[in-house]
Every structure is written in C-alpha cells, then in structure tokens.
C-alpha cells in the first residue's frame, strides 16, 4: 500500500511543477521535495528488484535512471525547466520499471499457485492408495516381489524353517560392507546406506537411509538421501511405500538436486501399481517444472516411463 501511494504521488509530480516557471523561489523548495520522493521511490524499486531477483548480482539493484548531480543555478533561469524535465523523465522511467517488476512478481505467484494445485492433486492420489483395503496392497507387491539376490531368506521353504547358515551368510555379507569414516557423521551415514543399496541389501539400506533422514535433518544432501530411500523401497518391489518417499522428497524440497528424479521414480512406482493415469501426471509435472532436466539428463528415462504408462 505504501508503494502504491508513492507511485500515485509520483504521477502527480508534473501537475505540481506547472507553476514553477512563475515562482522561482518556491521551485527550489519543491525541487528538493520531489528529489526526496524520487529517492524513496528508487529505494522501493531496489527492494522489489531484490524480491524478483533473489541472490542476483548488484547490477540488478541499481535504478535505471541514475540521479545526476544538479549544477548550481540561479532561480528563474532556464536551468529550472531542465531540472523539471529531468525529474519527470526519472519518474516516468521508475513507473515503467515498477510496472515491469510487479508483472514479474505476479507471474511468479501464479506459477507457484499452479505448482501447489498439482502437488495437492498428486498427494490426494497417494492418500487414496494408502487407504486401499489392506488385503489388496500386499497382493500387488508380493506378486512381483522375488527375494533380493543376496538373500534366500524370504523363500517359502526358508520362511517355515529359517536356515542358520543362510542368515549367517547374509549377516556376514552385510558386515563386509565397509562403513565410511570421514568425520562427517551425516555423510558417513548416507554413504553407508548407499553402499548397502548398491550391494542389493535393500531392507538394510532402507533402515540406514531412514536413520540418516531422521538423525540429520539439515544434511546438505538430504534430497539425495530421501530419493535413495524411495529407490531402496522401489527396488525391493514395494512401490506403494516408495511412492510416498518420492512424493515427500519433491514436496519438501522442490529445488533439491534429486527432486526431478523423485518425480520420475514416482511415475515408475505409480505405473507398477497400475495407476498409469497418475503416473502420466507425474511425468507431466516433471516436464512442466523441470523442462531442461526432463528433456536432458532424464530424457531417455522419461520417454521409457511414459511408454510403459501409455501416456499420450
């Protein structure tokens, strides 16, 4: 509201300056007042520029029309008219600049509202998946859930009578995965989870990565950790659980390094759940929010994923 008032004040400057030619003494005082108003208007422009260009270089924060040093003049001379013209030019330039910046702010606000709407739709779909009858979800996952390569413990025969040799062998194999020791606890926790996942020990990786996410909420690579946690569940043939982690990673940190990847893998998980329409929504969201990545680093994966989901 203050900014709008100042813009209105600046628009009135030309009419207020009309009598200057007849009032030399008053012109000097009025000129000083107008200069003060324009200085404040320029400060408002710089503040709005910082909002539109957060983190930008200093070149964005200077007004388009720089205040010039006013030469000493004798009141009543032609220099007064030049000063008035200069002030009017500055006001016109500032008004144009404010209109442009305001338009950019409104455009960004609209884009954010669109993103929130799409996120809400995806979240509702995931919630409906979670509320499905308990008997249905396990049937989907168990049907395509062969035991991970390093373990035979989940086979029917082993479930009836666990093999001490097999369990011992798995424990030894897990223990053989080297735990990093760099002095950075968060990094070590994530890297160890990554090594477990890479070796195919998905349940162990899930537990380790979940611990990383919980114990180190300010970890600089949290986007990587949450995304990999989702992948550990997806690779363990648990798409419903993995979808929750992928959606969470995208929602909590849409600017995170692995937010685009989480959207892609969300599409994969939804396809595995035979929710192909929702999967296509995830791929569309990826293309809308991260066009460069969708058509670049993840282009081949997205093309393959859309084909499996029969996206148009």
Protein backbone atom coordinates (compact mmCIF):
# COMPACT_ATOMS: atom_id res chain seq x y z
CA UNK A 1 0.00 0.00 0.00
CA UNK A 2 2.87 2.37 0.79
CA UNK A 3 4.46 1.63 -2.57
CA UNK A 4 1.16 2.27 -4.37
CA UNK A 5 0.76 5.61 -2.58
CA UNK A 6 4.25 6.66 -3.59
CA UNK A 7 3.57 5.74 -7.24
CA UNK A 8 0.41 7.88 -7.15
CA UNK A 9 2.38 10.70 -5.62
CA UNK A 10 4.97 10.45 -8.37
CA UNK A 11 2.26 10.63 -11.06
CA UNK A 12 1.09 13.94 -9.63
CA UNK A 13 4.56 15.48 -9.89
CA UNK A 14 4.11 17.03 -13.39
CA UNK A 15 0.97 18.97 -12.41
CA UNK A 16 2.57 20.10 -9.17
CA UNK A 17 5.53 21.50 -11.06
CA UNK A 18 3.48 23.52 -13.55
CA UNK A 19 3.70 26.83 -11.64
CA UNK A 20 7.48 26.65 -11.25
CA UNK A 21 8.18 28.98 -14.14
CA UNK A 22 6.33 31.76 -12.30
CA UNK A 23 7.64 31.00 -8.77
CA UNK A 24 11.49 30.72 -8.81
CA UNK A 25 11.87 30.66 -5.03
CA UNK A 26 9.15 28.05 -4.48
CA UNK A 27 10.64 25.97 -7.35
CA UNK A 28 13.83 25.36 -5.41
CA UNK A 29 11.97 24.08 -2.34
CA UNK A 30 9.59 21.98 -4.46
CA UNK A 31 12.54 20.51 -6.40
CA UNK A 32 14.12 19.36 -3.13
CA UNK A 33 10.85 17.76 -2.02
CA UNK A 34 10.41 15.93 -5.35
CA UNK A 35 14.00 14.72 -5.22
CA UNK A 36 13.30 13.23 -1.79
CA UNK A 37 10.22 11.47 -3.09
CA UNK A 38 12.05 10.05 -6.08
CA UNK A 39 14.88 8.83 -3.86
CA UNK A 40 12.34 6.94 -1.76
CA UNK A 41 10.69 5.60 -4.92
CA UNK A 42 14.07 4.33 -6.15
CA UNK A 43 14.57 2.56 -2.81
CA UNK A 44 11.20 0.82 -3.29
CA UNK A 45 12.28 -0.26 -6.80
CA UNK A 46 15.51 -1.74 -5.46
CA UNK A 47 13.58 -3.63 -2.76
CA UNK A 48 11.19 -5.04 -5.37
CA UNK A 49 14.14 -5.98 -7.59
CA UNK A 50 15.64 -7.97 -4.73
CA UNK A 51 12.34 -9.87 -4.43
CA UNK A 52 12.23 -10.65 -8.17
CA UNK A 53 15.96 -11.42 -8.44
CA UNK A 54 16.91 -13.04 -5.09
CA UNK A 55 20.64 -13.64 -4.89
CA UNK A 56 21.27 -11.73 -8.09
CA UNK A 57 24.31 -9.58 -8.80
CA UNK A 58 24.49 -5.95 -7.77
CA UNK A 59 23.79 -4.80 -11.31
CA UNK A 60 20.10 -5.66 -10.81
CA UNK A 61 19.71 -3.36 -7.84
CA UNK A 62 20.59 -0.02 -9.39
CA UNK A 63 17.74 2.17 -10.69
CA UNK A 64 17.55 2.50 -14.45
CA UNK A 65 17.85 6.31 -14.22
CA UNK A 66 20.69 7.46 -12.00
CA UNK A 67 20.32 10.70 -10.08
CA UNK A 68 22.63 13.30 -11.63
CA UNK A 69 24.48 15.93 -9.71
CA UNK A 70 22.47 19.10 -10.08
CA UNK A 71 24.63 22.07 -11.12
CA UNK A 72 24.29 25.25 -9.17
CA UNK A 73 21.82 27.52 -10.85
CA UNK A 74 20.17 30.87 -10.46
CA UNK A 75 16.42 30.54 -9.67
CA UNK A 76 14.23 31.62 -12.54
CA UNK A 77 16.70 30.67 -15.30
CA UNK A 78 16.20 28.01 -17.99
CA UNK A 79 18.08 25.52 -15.77
CA UNK A 80 14.90 25.20 -13.66
CA UNK A 81 12.98 23.93 -16.69
CA UNK A 82 15.73 21.40 -17.45
CA UNK A 83 15.66 20.15 -13.86
CA UNK A 84 11.87 19.70 -14.02
CA UNK A 85 12.18 17.78 -17.30
CA UNK A 86 14.86 15.56 -15.78
CA UNK A 87 12.69 14.81 -12.75
CA UNK A 88 9.72 13.94 -14.94
CA UNK A 89 11.91 11.61 -17.01
CA UNK A 90 13.11 9.86 -13.87
CA UNK A 91 9.53 9.44 -12.62
CA UNK A 92 8.40 8.00 -15.98
CA UNK A 93 11.31 5.54 -16.01
CA UNK A 94 10.65 4.45 -12.42
CA UNK A 95 6.96 3.93 -13.13
CA UNK A 96 7.77 1.75 -16.15
CA UNK A 97 10.31 -0.22 -14.13
CA UNK A 98 7.85 -0.74 -11.26
CA UNK A 99 5.16 -1.95 -13.66
CA UNK A 100 7.57 -4.48 -15.19
CA UNK A 101 8.76 -5.79 -11.82
CA UNK A 102 5.23 -6.01 -10.47
CA UNK A 103 4.25 -8.07 -13.50
CA UNK A 104 7.12 -10.47 -12.87
CA UNK A 105 6.13 -10.88 -9.21
CA UNK A 106 2.53 -11.64 -10.20
CA UNK A 107 3.67 -14.15 -12.83
CA UNK A 108 5.83 -16.00 -10.30
CA UNK A 109 2.96 -16.04 -7.83
CA UNK A 110 0.70 -17.58 -10.47
CA UNK A 111 3.30 -20.26 -11.26
CA UNK A 112 3.63 -21.14 -7.57
CA UNK A 113 -0.15 -21.45 -7.21
CA UNK A 114 -0.26 -23.77 -10.23
CA UNK A 115 2.50 -25.93 -8.74
CA UNK A 116 0.69 -26.14 -5.38
CA UNK A 117 -2.50 -27.24 -7.14
CA UNK A 118 -0.70 -30.03 -8.97
CA UNK A 119 1.08 -31.14 -5.81
CA UNK A 120 -2.21 -31.28 -3.94
CA UNK A 121 -3.70 -33.48 -6.67
CA UNK A 122 -0.77 -35.89 -6.54
CA UNK A 123 -0.93 -36.01 -2.74
CA UNK A 124 -4.63 -36.85 -2.85
CA UNK A 125 -3.97 -39.74 -5.21
CA UNK A 126 -1.24 -41.13 -2.97
CA UNK A 127 -3.59 -40.82 0.03
CA UNK A 128 -6.20 -42.87 -1.82
CA UNK A 129 -3.60 -45.54 -2.49
CA UNK A 130 -2.74 -45.68 1.20
CA UNK A 131 -6.39 -46.04 2.16
CA UNK A 132 -6.92 -49.04 -0.14
CA UNK A 133 -8.10 -52.29 1.55
CA UNK A 134 -5.16 -53.86 3.44
CA UNK A 135 -5.54 -57.20 1.67
CA UNK A 136 -5.15 -55.68 -1.79
CA UNK A 137 -1.79 -53.93 -1.41
CA UNK A 138 0.27 -56.93 -0.29
CA UNK A 139 -1.14 -58.97 -3.17
CA UNK A 140 0.21 -56.46 -5.68
CA UNK A 141 3.63 -56.28 -4.08
CA UNK A 142 4.11 -59.95 -3.29
CA UNK A 143 3.09 -60.97 -6.79
CA UNK A 144 6.13 -59.23 -8.25
CA UNK A 145 8.39 -59.48 -5.23
CA UNK A 146 11.15 -62.01 -5.76
CA UNK A 147 13.67 -62.11 -2.94
CA UNK A 148 16.72 -59.84 -3.39
CA UNK A 149 19.64 -61.64 -4.99
CA UNK A 150 21.88 -61.64 -1.90
CA UNK A 151 19.21 -63.42 0.23
CA UNK A 152 17.17 -66.60 0.10
CA UNK A 153 15.53 -66.00 3.49
CA UNK A 154 12.20 -64.86 2.00
CA UNK A 155 11.59 -68.07 0.00
CA UNK A 156 8.63 -70.14 1.28
CA UNK A 157 10.79 -73.04 2.50
CA UNK A 158 13.08 -70.72 4.39
CA UNK A 159 10.12 -68.91 5.95
CA UNK A 160 8.97 -72.15 7.57
CA UNK A 161 12.37 -73.16 8.84
CA UNK A 162 14.98 -70.38 8.70
CA UNK A 163 18.41 -71.52 7.72
CA UNK A 164 21.07 -70.54 10.23
CA UNK A 165 23.70 -70.90 7.52
CA UNK A 166 21.82 -68.60 5.15
CA UNK A 167 21.12 -65.99 7.82
CA UNK A 168 24.70 -66.11 8.97
CA UNK A 169 25.91 -65.73 5.40
CA UNK A 170 23.75 -62.66 4.85
CA UNK A 171 24.86 -61.10 8.12
CA UNK A 172 28.47 -61.66 7.16
CA UNK A 173 27.88 -60.19 3.71
CA UNK A 174 26.26 -57.10 5.22
CA UNK A 175 29.07 -56.79 7.75
CA UNK A 176 31.53 -56.88 4.87
CA UNK A 177 30.12 -53.61 3.51
CA UNK A 178 32.65 -51.01 4.56
CA UNK A 179 31.40 -48.20 6.76
CA UNK A 180 32.96 -44.87 5.79
CA UNK A 181 34.69 -42.77 8.42
CA UNK A 182 35.30 -39.26 7.10
CA UNK A 183 34.49 -37.38 10.30
CA UNK A 184 31.20 -36.15 8.84
CA UNK A 185 28.56 -38.27 10.57
CA UNK A 186 25.73 -37.33 8.20
CA UNK A 187 27.83 -38.03 5.11
CA UNK A 188 29.09 -41.32 6.52
CA UNK A 189 25.53 -42.41 7.33
CA UNK A 190 24.31 -41.62 3.82
CA UNK A 191 27.28 -43.23 2.05
CA UNK A 192 26.88 -46.41 4.09
CA UNK A 193 23.20 -46.55 3.13
CA UNK A 194 24.18 -46.04 -0.49
CA UNK A 195 26.67 -48.92 -0.35
CA UNK A 196 24.06 -51.22 1.17
CA UNK A 197 21.60 -50.29 -1.59
CA UNK A 198 24.22 -50.72 -4.30
CA UNK A 199 25.04 -54.21 -2.96
CA UNK A 200 21.36 -55.19 -3.12
CA UNK A 201 20.73 -55.30 0.64
CA UNK A 202 17.52 -53.32 0.32
CA UNK A 203 15.95 -53.79 3.79
CA UNK A 204 19.26 -52.84 5.43
CA UNK A 205 19.58 -49.85 3.10
CA UNK A 206 16.04 -48.76 3.94
CA UNK A 207 16.80 -48.81 7.66
CA UNK A 208 20.12 -46.99 7.24
CA UNK A 209 18.77 -44.27 4.94
CA UNK A 210 15.70 -43.75 7.14
CA UNK A 211 18.09 -43.24 10.04
CA UNK A 212 20.04 -40.70 8.00
CA UNK A 213 16.90 -38.73 7.17
CA UNK A 214 15.73 -38.76 10.79
CA UNK A 215 19.04 -38.08 12.55
CA UNK A 216 20.43 -35.41 10.21
CA UNK A 217 17.52 -33.22 9.02
CA UNK A 218 19.90 -30.42 7.94
CA UNK A 219 22.17 -32.70 5.93
CA UNK A 220 23.29 -30.88 2.78
CA UNK A 221 22.45 -33.90 0.60
CA UNK A 222 19.05 -34.60 2.12
CA UNK A 223 17.47 -34.56 -1.33
CA UNK A 224 19.78 -37.44 -2.31
CA UNK A 225 19.07 -39.37 0.89
CA UNK A 226 15.26 -39.17 0.62
CA UNK A 227 15.32 -40.05 -3.06
CA UNK A 228 17.58 -43.06 -2.46
CA UNK A 229 15.34 -44.18 0.40
CA UNK A 230 12.46 -44.26 -2.07
CA UNK A 231 14.57 -46.22 -4.53
CA UNK A 232 15.51 -48.77 -1.87
CA UNK A 233 11.80 -49.48 -1.39
CA UNK A 234 11.09 -49.44 -5.13
CA UNK A 235 13.91 -51.87 -5.88
CA UNK A 236 12.58 -54.06 -3.06
CA UNK A 237 9.32 -54.28 -5.05
CA UNK A 238 7.36 -52.09 -2.63
CA UNK A 239 6.08 -49.35 -4.99
CA UNK A 240 3.33 -48.08 -2.67
CA UNK A 241 5.83 -47.25 0.08
CA UNK A 242 8.39 -45.88 -2.35
CA UNK A 243 5.80 -43.53 -3.88
CA UNK A 244 5.31 -41.88 -0.50
CA UNK A 245 9.03 -41.14 -0.15
CA UNK A 246 9.36 -39.84 -3.71
CA UNK A 247 6.40 -37.51 -3.31
CA UNK A 248 7.69 -36.34 0.07
CA UNK A 249 11.11 -35.53 -1.35
CA UNK A 250 9.60 -33.48 -4.17
CA UNK A 251 7.18 -31.63 -1.90
CA UNK A 252 9.63 -30.82 0.88
CA UNK A 253 12.43 -29.62 -1.37
CA UNK A 254 11.30 -28.93 -4.96
CA UNK A 255 14.63 -27.23 -5.62
CA UNK A 256 16.65 -30.14 -4.30
CA UNK A 257 19.16 -31.86 -6.56
CA UNK A 258 17.11 -35.06 -6.71
CA UNK A 259 13.60 -33.56 -6.77
CA UNK A 260 13.30 -34.15 -10.56
CA UNK A 261 14.49 -37.74 -10.11
CA UNK A 262 11.90 -38.30 -7.41
CA UNK A 263 9.14 -37.16 -9.78
CA UNK A 264 10.40 -39.61 -12.40
CA UNK A 265 10.56 -42.51 -9.95
CA UNK A 266 7.13 -41.54 -8.62
CA UNK A 267 5.87 -42.15 -12.15
CA UNK A 268 7.62 -45.54 -12.18
CA UNK A 269 6.11 -46.53 -8.82
CA UNK A 270 2.61 -45.49 -9.87
CA UNK A 271 2.99 -47.47 -13.09
CA UNK A 272 3.99 -50.53 -11.06
CA UNK A 273 0.81 -50.01 -9.02
CA UNK A 274 -1.15 -49.93 -12.29
CA UNK A 275 -2.01 -46.28 -11.65
CA UNK A 276 -0.99 -45.25 -15.15
CA UNK A 277 -3.07 -42.08 -15.34
CA UNK A 278 -1.43 -40.81 -12.14
CA UNK A 279 1.98 -41.84 -13.48
CA UNK A 280 1.41 -39.70 -16.57
CA UNK A 281 0.51 -36.81 -14.26
CA UNK A 282 3.87 -37.21 -12.52
CA UNK A 283 5.73 -37.20 -15.84
CA UNK A 284 3.79 -34.13 -16.96
CA UNK A 285 4.69 -32.38 -13.71
CA UNK A 286 8.34 -33.23 -14.32
CA UNK A 287 8.21 -31.71 -17.81
CA UNK A 288 6.43 -28.57 -16.54
CA UNK A 289 8.62 -27.86 -13.52
CA UNK A 290 11.98 -29.11 -14.79
CA UNK A 291 11.83 -28.84 -18.61
CA UNK A 292 15.61 -28.77 -19.08
CA UNK A 293 16.16 -31.90 -17.00
CA UNK A 294 13.16 -33.74 -18.45
CA UNK A 295 14.49 -33.18 -21.95
CA UNK A 296 18.13 -33.56 -20.96
CA UNK A 297 19.60 -35.74 -18.20
CA UNK A 298 16.39 -37.73 -17.66
CA UNK A 299 15.13 -37.65 -21.26
CA UNK A 300 15.62 -41.35 -22.05
CA UNK A 301 14.16 -42.49 -18.74
CA UNK A 302 11.13 -40.24 -19.07
CA UNK A 303 10.48 -41.45 -22.63
CA UNK A 304 10.65 -45.07 -21.49
CA UNK A 305 8.50 -44.42 -18.42
CA UNK A 306 5.80 -42.65 -20.44
CA UNK A 307 5.73 -45.51 -22.92
CA UNK A 308 5.17 -48.05 -20.12
CA UNK A 309 2.39 -45.92 -18.68
CA UNK A 310 0.83 -45.44 -22.13
CA UNK A 311 1.00 -41.66 -21.75
CA UNK A 312 -0.26 -39.67 -24.72
